[in-house]
Amino acid sequence: MFVKGTLKKAGILFTLAVLPFLFGYVIISFLLFSFIAFMMQFFRDPERSIPVGEGLVLASADGRTLNGKIDKIKVVNYDDHLMNYILDKGKKGILISTFMSPFDVHVNRVPLSGEVVETKYCPGKFQIAWKDVQKENEKNLIVINSEYGKVGVIQIAGFVARRIVQYINVGDHVKTGDRLGMIRFGSRVDIILPYENCEVLVKVGKKSKAGETIVAKMLKKKH
């Protein structure tokens, strides 16, 4: 399965790649066929076996950081960049960052069911995504109001990835594992979860698959 429109583009490029070969320009054909193969690899969109369970939070991205793994789990505050859209004032959150290489699946998925209550696109730079680039790089914020509290997903463009695509909008009711968008040619996706009722299950260095890997479990809030 591929991202919508991929096969049509590949067909056009295939025709263009054949023509130089017929006229003896083998190198040009080879380069075009190589690009087609890379494009098909990049724009694949495989189905995922979505785990079912109360409060399960799933990875939003396939992950590789340098070696292709989840790299960062830390506590963030209300005053941190964009956190005021997700966290209540004075509250803390858990940040899980997943880095993607150009060879990973780049379709991102919803970590936890709920209603989309906020989206915010922020233009910016295109620095390497494993640096601390949340404040400077191009990014897109999606806030989902779940039964466990607000959950944030931040798609961050990197050095190669220069286009963020969002599939869902404010008012949409989304389910865990639904496709929410994609980042083209690598980058990073951050998930922000409520601190007080979040049990982190993923370990630093673990590979992830969007819509399959369980990264945390949300607990019912105590009243």
Foldseek 3Di string as FASTA:
>chain_A
DFDPPLVVVLVVLLVVLVVCVVVPNPVSSVVSVVVNVLSRQAGHDDDDDFDDDAQFFAFFFFAQDVNTWWADWDKDACPPPPNVVFDPHPFIKIKTKGWWASRTHFFTWGGAWAFWADKDWDDADAAAAVPPCPPGFTKMWIWGQDQLGIKIKIFGHHNPFDDWFADDDGGDTDHQGHTGTGTHGIHMMMMIGGDPFKAADDDRGHGHHHSYHGGIGGDRDDD
